[in-house]
Amino acid sequence: MEPTAEHIVTLKTAYCHYWITGTELDPAADGPESADTGQPGAHAPLLSLSTTHPAVIVATGIQYGDIPTTICTYPTQPPIDATKQWEEIAEVDLTAGSSVIFGNLDQANTAVPLTDQDAPERVWRVRVSVRGADDTRTTAYAAEGHSLTERHLIELWPGSGAELQYLRRDPRPWRQPS
């Protein structure tokens, strides 16, 4: 299935996470906080919902740095991309209009359009697929000569009202709760 829109961006992660939201956050307010604090010694969940803002929080293996990301919009649910070896895949619903905003605690925000026209808010399903995070978990700021291997694919389509789902979990304890 071909996407209706595709964007290749570099997302900034700060403090081992970034978030996706359908609305601008107040710059004076604290960032979204996860309800899922994780268990001691367990890895942080790939996706969690914020208790303070309408946002989805994405945990990363990179403390600070850039994550090459492909963002695709579809008219209906796409099949899972089997051409890449995604180590973890999760889906959740998010309310947004014609664009989504990717942000972090350093206030590095990236807006990505979902449609080419103004659209009212509605529920979108967000699927995040990740690979390479285990190889970069101790890296901060991508030291010279070290290439970051973490890659994300974010797919969005009109939502169904379904709960957070893990389609593939990486058994390695690579992400630590922040």
N, C-alpha and C. Protein backbone atom coordinates (compact mmCIF):
# COMPACT_ATOMS: atom_id res chain seq x y z
N MET A 1 0.84 -1.16 0.00
CA MET A 1 0.00 0.00 0.00
C MET A 1 0.90 1.24 0.00
N GLU A 2 0.61 2.16 -0.89
CA GLU A 2 1.36 3.41 -0.98
C GLU A 2 0.83 4.44 0.01
N PRO A 3 1.73 5.17 0.67
CA PRO A 3 1.26 6.21 1.58
C PRO A 3 0.69 7.41 0.80
N THR A 4 -0.23 8.13 1.42
CA THR A 4 -0.75 9.36 0.82
C THR A 4 0.23 10.50 1.04
N ALA A 5 1.08 10.40 2.05
CA ALA A 5 2.14 11.39 2.30
C ALA A 5 3.30 10.67 2.97
N GLU A 6 4.51 11.10 2.63
CA GLU A 6 5.71 10.53 3.25
C GLU A 6 6.70 11.65 3.51
N HIS A 7 7.23 11.67 4.73
CA HIS A 7 8.20 12.69 5.12
C HIS A 7 9.40 11.98 5.73
N ILE A 8 10.59 12.38 5.31
CA ILE A 8 11.81 11.86 5.91
C ILE A 8 12.40 13.01 6.72
N VAL A 9 12.45 12.80 8.04
CA VAL A 9 12.88 13.86 8.95
C VAL A 9 13.93 13.31 9.93
N THR A 10 14.58 14.21 10.60
CA THR A 10 15.48 13.84 11.69
C THR A 10 14.83 14.34 12.96
N LEU A 11 14.42 13.41 13.81
CA LEU A 11 13.79 13.77 15.07
C LEU A 11 14.85 13.89 16.15
N LYS A 12 14.69 14.86 16.99
CA LYS A 12 15.63 15.10 18.10
C LYS A 12 15.09 14.40 19.35
N THR A 13 15.95 13.67 20.01
CA THR A 13 15.58 13.06 21.27
C THR A 13 16.36 13.75 22.39
N ALA A 14 15.72 13.91 23.52
CA ALA A 14 16.36 14.51 24.69
C ALA A 14 15.91 13.72 25.91
N TYR A 15 16.85 13.35 26.74
CA TYR A 15 16.55 12.57 27.94
C TYR A 15 15.87 11.25 27.58
N CYS A 16 16.33 10.62 26.51
CA CYS A 16 15.89 9.28 26.08
C CYS A 16 14.43 9.21 25.65
N HIS A 17 13.87 10.32 25.16
CA HIS A 17 12.52 10.23 24.63
C HIS A 17 12.16 11.47 23.82
N TYR A 18 11.10 11.35 23.06
CA TYR A 18 10.43 12.48 22.43
C TYR A 18 8.95 12.19 22.48
N TRP A 19 8.12 13.16 22.10
CA TRP A 19 6.68 12.93 22.13
C TRP A 19 6.04 13.35 20.82
N ILE A 20 4.85 12.83 20.61
CA ILE A 20 4.03 13.16 19.45
C ILE A 20 2.72 13.71 19.98
N THR A 21 2.32 14.87 19.48
CA THR A 21 1.06 15.47 19.92
C THR A 21 0.36 16.11 18.72
N GLY A 22 -0.93 16.30 18.85
CA GLY A 22 -1.71 16.93 17.79
C GLY A 22 -1.93 18.40 18.03
N THR A 23 -1.42 18.93 19.15
CA THR A 23 -1.61 20.34 19.49
C THR A 23 -0.30 20.92 20.01
N GLU A 24 -0.14 22.23 19.84
CA GLU A 24 1.03 22.92 20.41
C GLU A 24 0.95 22.85 21.93
N LEU A 25 2.07 22.60 22.56
CA LEU A 25 2.13 22.61 24.02
C LEU A 25 2.57 23.98 24.48
N ASP A 26 2.10 24.38 25.63
CA ASP A 26 2.50 25.65 26.22
C ASP A 26 3.99 25.58 26.53
N PRO A 27 4.82 26.48 25.94
CA PRO A 27 6.27 26.40 26.17
C PRO A 27 6.66 26.61 27.63
N ALA A 28 5.81 27.26 28.42
CA ALA A 28 6.12 27.49 29.83
C ALA A 28 5.78 26.28 30.69
N ALA A 29 4.99 25.36 30.16
CA ALA A 29 4.58 24.17 30.93
C ALA A 29 5.64 23.08 30.83
N ASP A 30 5.60 22.18 31.79
CA ASP A 30 6.46 21.00 31.72
C ASP A 30 6.01 20.14 30.55
N GLY A 31 6.90 19.29 30.07
CA GLY A 31 6.56 18.40 28.97
C GLY A 31 5.63 17.30 29.42
N PRO A 32 5.14 16.51 28.49
CA PRO A 32 4.26 15.38 28.83
C PRO A 32 4.96 14.41 29.77
N GLU A 33 4.20 13.86 30.70
CA GLU A 33 4.72 12.87 31.64
C GLU A 33 3.99 11.57 31.45
N SER A 34 4.74 10.49 31.49
CA SER A 34 4.18 9.17 31.28
C SER A 34 3.54 8.63 32.55
N ALA A 35 2.42 7.95 32.38
CA ALA A 35 1.79 7.27 33.50
C ALA A 35 2.55 6.00 33.83
N ASP A 36 3.28 5.45 32.86
CA ASP A 36 4.00 4.19 33.04
C ASP A 36 5.44 4.50 33.46
N THR A 37 5.74 4.32 34.72
CA THR A 37 7.09 4.60 35.22
C THR A 37 8.00 3.39 35.09
N GLY A 38 7.48 2.25 34.70
CA GLY A 38 8.31 1.07 34.53
C GLY A 38 8.69 0.44 35.85
N GLN A 39 9.21 -0.74 35.79
CA GLN A 39 9.65 -1.47 36.97
C GLN A 39 11.17 -1.35 37.08
N PRO A 40 11.72 -1.30 38.29
CA PRO A 40 13.17 -1.23 38.44
C PRO A 40 13.83 -2.40 37.70
N GLY A 41 14.85 -2.09 36.89
CA GLY A 41 15.57 -3.11 36.15
C GLY A 41 14.89 -3.53 34.85
N ALA A 42 13.64 -3.12 34.64
CA ALA A 42 12.95 -3.48 33.40
C ALA A 42 13.15 -2.37 32.38
N HIS A 43 12.99 -2.70 31.09
CA HIS A 43 13.15 -1.63 30.11
C HIS A 43 11.87 -0.82 29.98
N ALA A 44 12.06 0.45 29.65
CA ALA A 44 10.93 1.36 29.52
C ALA A 44 10.07 0.94 28.34
N PRO A 45 8.77 1.16 28.41
CA PRO A 45 7.93 0.80 27.26
C PRO A 45 8.23 1.71 26.08
N LEU A 46 8.15 1.17 24.87
CA LEU A 46 8.38 1.97 23.67
C LEU A 46 7.41 3.14 23.61
N LEU A 47 6.13 2.89 23.82
CA LEU A 47 5.12 3.93 23.80
C LEU A 47 4.41 4.01 25.13
N SER A 48 4.07 5.23 25.53
CA SER A 48 3.22 5.43 26.70
C SER A 48 2.40 6.68 26.46
N LEU A 49 1.27 6.74 27.13
CA LEU A 49 0.40 7.92 27.01
C LEU A 49 0.74 8.90 28.12
N SER A 50 0.65 10.17 27.81
CA SER A 50 0.93 11.21 28.80
C SER A 50 -0.26 11.38 29.72
N THR A 51 0.03 11.64 30.99
CA THR A 51 -1.01 11.94 31.97
C THR A 51 -1.26 13.43 32.07
N THR A 52 -0.37 14.25 31.48
CA THR A 52 -0.46 15.69 31.63
C THR A 52 -0.85 16.44 30.36
N HIS A 53 -0.69 15.83 29.20
CA HIS A 53 -1.00 16.45 27.90
C HIS A 53 -1.56 15.38 26.97
N PRO A 54 -2.29 15.76 25.94
CA PRO A 54 -2.74 14.76 24.96
C PRO A 54 -1.56 14.41 24.04
N ALA A 55 -0.71 13.50 24.49
CA ALA A 55 0.51 13.17 23.75
C ALA A 55 0.86 11.70 23.92
N VAL A 56 1.62 11.20 22.95
CA VAL A 56 2.20 9.86 23.00
C VAL A 56 3.69 10.05 23.22
N ILE A 57 4.25 9.38 24.21
CA ILE A 57 5.67 9.48 24.53
C ILE A 57 6.39 8.28 23.93
N VAL A 58 7.47 8.54 23.19
CA VAL A 58 8.25 7.49 22.53
C VAL A 58 9.62 7.42 23.23
N ALA A 59 9.92 6.28 23.86
CA ALA A 59 11.21 6.07 24.51
C ALA A 59 12.25 5.71 23.45
N THR A 60 13.48 6.20 23.63
CA THR A 60 14.54 5.94 22.66
C THR A 60 15.74 5.31 23.34
N GLY A 61 16.63 4.75 22.56
CA GLY A 61 17.89 4.22 23.07
C GLY A 61 18.98 5.27 23.09
N ILE A 62 18.70 6.45 22.52
CA ILE A 62 19.67 7.54 22.45
C ILE A 62 19.33 8.56 23.54
N GLN A 63 20.31 8.90 24.35
CA GLN A 63 20.06 9.88 25.39
C GLN A 63 19.78 11.25 24.78
N TYR A 64 20.67 11.72 23.91
CA TYR A 64 20.51 12.97 23.16
C TYR A 64 21.00 12.69 21.75
N GLY A 65 20.29 13.19 20.78
CA GLY A 65 20.78 13.01 19.42
C GLY A 65 19.68 13.02 18.40
N ASP A 66 20.05 12.67 17.19
CA ASP A 66 19.17 12.71 16.04
C ASP A 66 18.79 11.31 15.62
N ILE A 67 17.50 11.11 15.35
CA ILE A 67 17.02 9.81 14.90
C ILE A 67 16.42 9.97 13.51
N PRO A 68 17.04 9.37 12.48
CA PRO A 68 16.44 9.40 11.15
C PRO A 68 15.10 8.67 11.19
N THR A 69 14.06 9.35 10.72
CA THR A 69 12.70 8.83 10.84
C THR A 69 11.93 9.04 9.54
N THR A 70 11.18 8.03 9.16
CA THR A 70 10.25 8.15 8.05
C THR A 70 8.85 8.19 8.63
N ILE A 71 8.07 9.19 8.21
CA ILE A 71 6.70 9.37 8.70
C ILE A 71 5.77 9.23 7.49
N CYS A 72 4.84 8.28 7.55
CA CYS A 72 3.93 8.02 6.44
C CYS A 72 2.48 8.11 6.91
N THR A 73 1.64 8.69 6.08
CA THR A 73 0.20 8.76 6.34
C THR A 73 -0.51 7.87 5.33
N TYR A 74 -1.51 7.13 5.80
CA TYR A 74 -2.27 6.20 4.95
C TYR A 74 -3.77 6.45 5.10
N PRO A 75 -4.56 6.07 4.09
CA PRO A 75 -6.01 6.20 4.22
C PRO A 75 -6.62 5.11 5.10
N THR A 76 -5.95 3.95 5.18
CA THR A 76 -6.39 2.83 6.01
C THR A 76 -5.16 2.17 6.62
N GLN A 77 -5.38 1.22 7.51
CA GLN A 77 -4.27 0.56 8.20
C GLN A 77 -3.34 -0.13 7.20
N PRO A 78 -2.04 0.22 7.22
CA PRO A 78 -1.09 -0.44 6.33
C PRO A 78 -0.59 -1.75 6.94
N PRO A 79 -0.08 -2.65 6.10
CA PRO A 79 0.55 -3.85 6.66
C PRO A 79 1.87 -3.45 7.33
N ILE A 80 2.36 -4.28 8.21
CA ILE A 80 3.64 -4.03 8.85
C ILE A 80 4.74 -4.16 7.81
N ASP A 81 5.67 -3.22 7.81
CA ASP A 81 6.78 -3.22 6.85
C ASP A 81 7.72 -4.38 7.17
N ALA A 82 7.62 -5.44 6.38
CA ALA A 82 8.42 -6.64 6.62
C ALA A 82 9.79 -6.56 5.94
N THR A 83 10.06 -5.50 5.16
CA THR A 83 11.34 -5.40 4.47
C THR A 83 12.47 -4.99 5.40
N LYS A 84 12.14 -4.41 6.53
CA LYS A 84 13.14 -3.99 7.52
C LYS A 84 12.99 -4.90 8.74
N GLN A 85 14.05 -5.02 9.48
CA GLN A 85 14.00 -5.87 10.67
C GLN A 85 13.69 -4.99 11.88
N TRP A 86 12.41 -4.69 12.08
CA TRP A 86 12.00 -3.87 13.21
C TRP A 86 12.05 -4.71 14.47
N GLU A 87 12.72 -4.20 15.49
CA GLU A 87 12.88 -4.94 16.74
C GLU A 87 11.70 -4.75 17.68
N GLU A 88 11.04 -3.60 17.56
CA GLU A 88 9.89 -3.34 18.41
C GLU A 88 8.87 -2.53 17.61
N ILE A 89 7.59 -2.90 17.77
CA ILE A 89 6.50 -2.22 17.05
C ILE A 89 5.34 -2.07 18.03
N ALA A 90 4.82 -0.85 18.11
CA ALA A 90 3.66 -0.60 18.98
C ALA A 90 2.74 0.41 18.30
N GLU A 91 1.45 0.35 18.66
CA GLU A 91 0.44 1.26 18.10
C GLU A 91 -0.42 1.84 19.22
N VAL A 92 -0.88 3.08 18.99
CA VAL A 92 -1.76 3.74 19.95
C VAL A 92 -2.54 4.82 19.20
N ASP A 93 -3.65 5.28 19.76
CA ASP A 93 -4.43 6.35 19.14
C ASP A 93 -3.99 7.72 19.66
N LEU A 94 -4.13 8.73 18.79
CA LEU A 94 -3.79 10.10 19.10
C LEU A 94 -4.78 11.01 18.39
N THR A 95 -5.23 12.06 19.06
CA THR A 95 -6.13 13.03 18.44
C THR A 95 -5.30 14.14 17.80
N ALA A 96 -5.55 14.41 16.51
CA ALA A 96 -4.83 15.46 15.78
C ALA A 96 -5.70 15.96 14.64
N GLY A 97 -5.37 17.13 14.14
CA GLY A 97 -6.05 17.70 12.98
C GLY A 97 -5.28 17.38 11.72
N SER A 98 -4.76 18.43 11.05
CA SER A 98 -4.06 18.21 9.79
C SER A 98 -2.55 18.05 9.95
N SER A 99 -2.04 18.10 11.19
CA SER A 99 -0.61 17.87 11.40
C SER A 99 -0.36 17.31 12.80
N VAL A 100 0.83 16.77 12.98
CA VAL A 100 1.29 16.32 14.29
C VAL A 100 2.59 17.05 14.60
N ILE A 101 2.89 17.15 15.88
CA ILE A 101 4.09 17.83 16.31
C ILE A 101 4.94 16.84 17.10
N PHE A 102 6.22 16.78 16.75
CA PHE A 102 7.18 15.95 17.46
C PHE A 102 8.01 16.91 18.30
N GLY A 103 8.09 16.65 19.61
CA GLY A 103 8.81 17.56 20.48
C GLY A 103 9.61 16.83 21.52
N ASN A 104 10.41 17.60 22.27
CA ASN A 104 11.19 17.02 23.35
C ASN A 104 11.40 18.07 24.44
N LEU A 105 12.06 17.68 25.52
CA LEU A 105 12.24 18.59 26.66
C LEU A 105 13.15 19.77 26.34
N ASP A 106 13.95 19.68 25.27
CA ASP A 106 14.78 20.80 24.85
C ASP A 106 14.02 21.75 23.93
N GLN A 107 12.73 21.52 23.77
CA GLN A 107 11.82 22.32 22.94
C GLN A 107 12.25 22.37 21.48
N ALA A 108 12.80 21.26 20.99
CA ALA A 108 13.10 21.13 19.56
C ALA A 108 11.88 20.48 18.92
N ASN A 109 10.99 21.30 18.35
CA ASN A 109 9.73 20.81 17.80
C ASN A 109 9.79 20.71 16.28
N THR A 110 9.17 19.66 15.74
CA THR A 110 9.06 19.46 14.30
C THR A 110 7.60 19.19 13.99
N ALA A 111 6.98 20.04 13.16
CA ALA A 111 5.59 19.82 12.74
C ALA A 111 5.59 19.08 11.40
N VAL A 112 4.74 18.06 11.29
CA VAL A 112 4.64 17.26 10.07
C VAL A 112 3.18 17.21 9.65
N PRO A 113 2.87 17.64 8.41
CA PRO A 113 1.47 17.60 7.96
C PRO A 113 0.99 16.18 7.70
N LEU A 114 -0.26 15.92 8.07
CA LEU A 114 -0.88 14.63 7.81
C LEU A 114 -1.70 14.68 6.51
N THR A 115 -2.23 15.86 6.21
CA THR A 115 -3.01 16.07 4.99
C THR A 115 -2.58 17.40 4.38
N ASP A 116 -2.90 17.64 3.09
CA ASP A 116 -2.53 18.90 2.46
C ASP A 116 -3.59 19.97 2.66
N GLN A 117 -4.60 19.70 3.41
CA GLN A 117 -5.65 20.69 3.65
C GLN A 117 -5.97 20.74 5.13
N ASP A 118 -6.63 21.83 5.54
CA ASP A 118 -7.05 21.92 6.94
C ASP A 118 -8.07 20.83 7.22
N ALA A 119 -7.89 20.16 8.32
CA ALA A 119 -8.81 19.08 8.69
C ALA A 119 -9.17 19.23 10.16
N PRO A 120 -10.42 18.93 10.51
CA PRO A 120 -10.79 18.98 11.93
C PRO A 120 -10.08 17.87 12.70
N GLU A 121 -10.00 18.06 14.00
CA GLU A 121 -9.38 17.02 14.83
C GLU A 121 -10.15 15.72 14.72
N ARG A 122 -9.41 14.63 14.73
CA ARG A 122 -10.00 13.29 14.74
C ARG A 122 -8.97 12.34 15.32
N VAL A 123 -9.37 11.12 15.50
CA VAL A 123 -8.47 10.11 16.06
C VAL A 123 -7.64 9.51 14.93
N TRP A 124 -6.34 9.49 15.17
CA TRP A 124 -5.39 8.85 14.26
C TRP A 124 -4.75 7.67 14.99
N ARG A 125 -4.52 6.60 14.30
CA ARG A 125 -3.75 5.48 14.84
C ARG A 125 -2.30 5.75 14.50
N VAL A 126 -1.42 5.59 15.48
CA VAL A 126 0.01 5.84 15.31
C VAL A 126 0.75 4.53 15.56
N ARG A 127 1.50 4.07 14.56
CA ARG A 127 2.34 2.87 14.72
C ARG A 127 3.80 3.33 14.69
N VAL A 128 4.55 2.96 15.72
CA VAL A 128 5.97 3.28 15.79
C VAL A 128 6.75 1.97 15.70
N SER A 129 7.64 1.90 14.71
CA SER A 129 8.52 0.74 14.53
C SER A 129 9.96 1.21 14.73
N VAL A 130 10.74 0.43 15.50
CA VAL A 130 12.09 0.85 15.87
C VAL A 130 13.08 -0.28 15.59
N ARG A 131 14.27 0.12 15.11
CA ARG A 131 15.39 -0.83 15.01
C ARG A 131 16.68 -0.10 15.33
N GLY A 132 17.65 -0.84 15.81
CA GLY A 132 18.97 -0.27 16.09
C GLY A 132 19.13 0.43 17.42
N ALA A 133 18.11 0.46 18.25
CA ALA A 133 18.21 1.18 19.51
C ALA A 133 19.17 0.51 20.48
N ASP A 134 19.26 -0.79 20.44
CA ASP A 134 20.14 -1.51 21.36
C ASP A 134 21.60 -1.15 21.12
N ASP A 135 21.93 -0.80 19.87
CA ASP A 135 23.31 -0.48 19.54
C ASP A 135 23.72 0.92 19.99
N THR A 136 22.76 1.78 20.37
CA THR A 136 23.09 3.16 20.66
C THR A 136 22.72 3.59 22.07
N ARG A 137 22.35 2.68 22.91
CA ARG A 137 21.75 3.05 24.19
C ARG A 137 22.66 3.85 25.11
N THR A 138 23.96 3.75 24.95
CA THR A 138 24.85 4.50 25.84
C THR A 138 25.39 5.76 25.17
N THR A 139 24.96 6.03 23.96
CA THR A 139 25.51 7.15 23.21
C THR A 139 24.78 8.44 23.51
N ALA A 140 25.53 9.47 23.79
CA ALA A 140 24.96 10.81 23.94
C ALA A 140 25.63 11.72 22.93
N TYR A 141 24.86 12.50 22.24
CA TYR A 141 25.34 13.48 21.28
C TYR A 141 26.09 12.91 20.09
N ALA A 142 26.04 11.64 19.84
CA ALA A 142 26.68 11.03 18.67
C ALA A 142 28.12 11.49 18.52
N ALA A 143 28.99 10.99 19.36
CA ALA A 143 30.39 11.38 19.34
C ALA A 143 30.99 11.20 17.94
N GLU A 144 31.95 12.04 17.61
CA GLU A 144 32.55 11.99 16.28
C GLU A 144 33.08 10.59 15.99
N GLY A 145 32.81 10.11 14.81
CA GLY A 145 33.25 8.79 14.41
C GLY A 145 32.28 7.68 14.79
N HIS A 146 31.26 8.00 15.58
CA HIS A 146 30.26 6.99 15.96
C HIS A 146 28.97 7.32 15.24
N SER A 147 28.50 6.38 14.46
CA SER A 147 27.23 6.66 13.77
C SER A 147 26.09 6.00 14.54
N LEU A 148 25.05 6.76 14.74
CA LEU A 148 23.89 6.24 15.44
C LEU A 148 23.13 5.29 14.54
N THR A 149 22.70 4.18 15.08
CA THR A 149 22.03 3.17 14.26
C THR A 149 20.52 3.13 14.47
N GLU A 150 20.01 3.85 15.46
CA GLU A 150 18.58 3.80 15.75
C GLU A 150 17.79 4.46 14.62
N ARG A 151 16.74 3.78 14.17
CA ARG A 151 15.88 4.26 13.10
C ARG A 151 14.43 4.06 13.52
N HIS A 152 13.56 5.01 13.13
CA HIS A 152 12.13 4.91 13.44
C HIS A 152 11.31 5.03 12.17
N LEU A 153 10.23 4.29 12.12
CA LEU A 153 9.20 4.43 11.10
C LEU A 153 7.91 4.74 11.85
N ILE A 154 7.27 5.85 11.50
CA ILE A 154 6.02 6.23 12.15
C ILE A 154 4.95 6.26 11.07
N GLU A 155 3.92 5.44 11.27
CA GLU A 155 2.82 5.35 10.30
C GLU A 155 1.54 5.81 10.98
N LEU A 156 0.74 6.61 10.26
CA LEU A 156 -0.52 7.14 10.80
C LEU A 156 -1.64 6.88 9.80
N TRP A 157 -2.83 6.56 10.33
CA TRP A 157 -4.03 6.38 9.54
C TRP A 157 -5.22 6.67 10.44
N PRO A 158 -6.40 6.91 9.86
CA PRO A 158 -7.58 7.18 10.71
C PRO A 158 -7.75 6.10 11.76
N GLY A 159 -7.94 6.53 13.02
CA GLY A 159 -7.96 5.62 14.16
C GLY A 159 -9.25 4.86 14.33
N SER A 160 -9.14 3.86 15.19
CA SER A 160 -10.26 2.96 15.43
C SER A 160 -10.74 3.00 16.87
N GLY A 161 -10.06 3.76 17.73
CA GLY A 161 -10.42 3.78 19.14
C GLY A 161 -9.86 2.61 19.91
N ALA A 162 -8.87 1.93 19.35
CA ALA A 162 -8.28 0.75 20.00
C ALA A 162 -7.28 1.18 21.07
N GLU A 163 -7.01 0.29 21.99
CA GLU A 163 -6.06 0.51 23.08
C GLU A 163 -4.62 0.42 22.54
N LEU A 164 -3.67 0.81 23.39
CA LEU A 164 -2.26 0.64 23.10
C LEU A 164 -1.98 -0.84 22.88
N GLN A 165 -1.29 -1.15 21.79
CA GLN A 165 -0.97 -2.54 21.46
C GLN A 165 0.50 -2.68 21.10
N TYR A 166 1.12 -3.75 21.59
CA TYR A 166 2.47 -4.09 21.17
C TYR A 166 2.36 -5.21 20.16
N LEU A 167 2.87 -4.97 18.97
CA LEU A 167 2.84 -5.97 17.91
C LEU A 167 4.12 -6.79 17.89
N ARG A 168 5.19 -6.19 18.40
CA ARG A 168 6.47 -6.90 18.53
C ARG A 168 7.21 -6.23 19.68
N ARG A 169 7.71 -7.05 20.61
CA ARG A 169 8.50 -6.52 21.73
C ARG A 169 9.91 -7.07 21.63
N ASP A 170 10.87 -6.20 21.84
CA ASP A 170 12.26 -6.61 21.86
C ASP A 170 12.56 -7.15 23.26
N PRO A 171 13.00 -8.40 23.37
CA PRO A 171 13.24 -8.97 24.70
C PRO A 171 14.48 -8.42 25.40
N ARG A 172 15.36 -7.73 24.66
CA ARG A 172 16.57 -7.20 25.28
C ARG A 172 16.23 -5.98 26.14
N PRO A 173 16.85 -5.83 27.30
CA PRO A 173 16.56 -4.68 28.18
C PRO A 173 17.36 -3.45 27.76
N TRP A 174 17.04 -2.88 26.58
CA TRP A 174 17.88 -1.79 26.06
C TRP A 174 17.45 -0.41 26.48
N ARG A 175 16.20 -0.17 26.79
CA ARG A 175 15.75 1.17 27.17
C ARG A 175 15.53 1.21 28.67
N GLN A 176 16.13 2.15 29.32
CA GLN A 176 15.93 2.29 30.77
C GLN A 176 14.88 3.35 31.02
N PRO A 177 14.02 3.16 32.02
CA PRO A 177 13.03 4.20 32.33
C PRO A 177 13.73 5.51 32.67
N SER A 178 13.16 6.64 32.19
CA SER A 178 13.78 7.93 32.49
C SER A 178 13.08 8.61 33.65
